[in-house]
């Protein structure tokens, strides 16, 4: 599987995947003007990755400081795909990282965690 690296901009997150350790990271701010266009290459890559993932495990680290409603829907789509893969025997661990002062991100993480059953969804607080 090939790595993926989408550099962050002022309104889009960094998205990276290292195939050697199977860690996907999404971090930064996420309010792209056209979410469907921005995330399309990522979802194309993700579909290909999950098709070949087998029964291994993947760690997903999400560290967003802000995201808009269209990115929230994208995150739901991401969790749906990961949940489906996890139900087929692929171990998926999501580390939802939020700053201690960012209650909004914590609340979103709690809501997303309630939407999944097969994913090991961890809320991880950090501070400066």
Foldseek 3Di string as FASTA:
>chain_A
DDWDWDPDDQAAWTWIADVVQQEIETEEHHEDPDVCVVCVVVVVVVVVCLVPQPQEEHEYEYYYLYYDPVVLVVVLVVVVSVQVSLVVRHAYEYEQEYEPPRVVSVVSLVVSVVVHDSYNYHYHYDYD
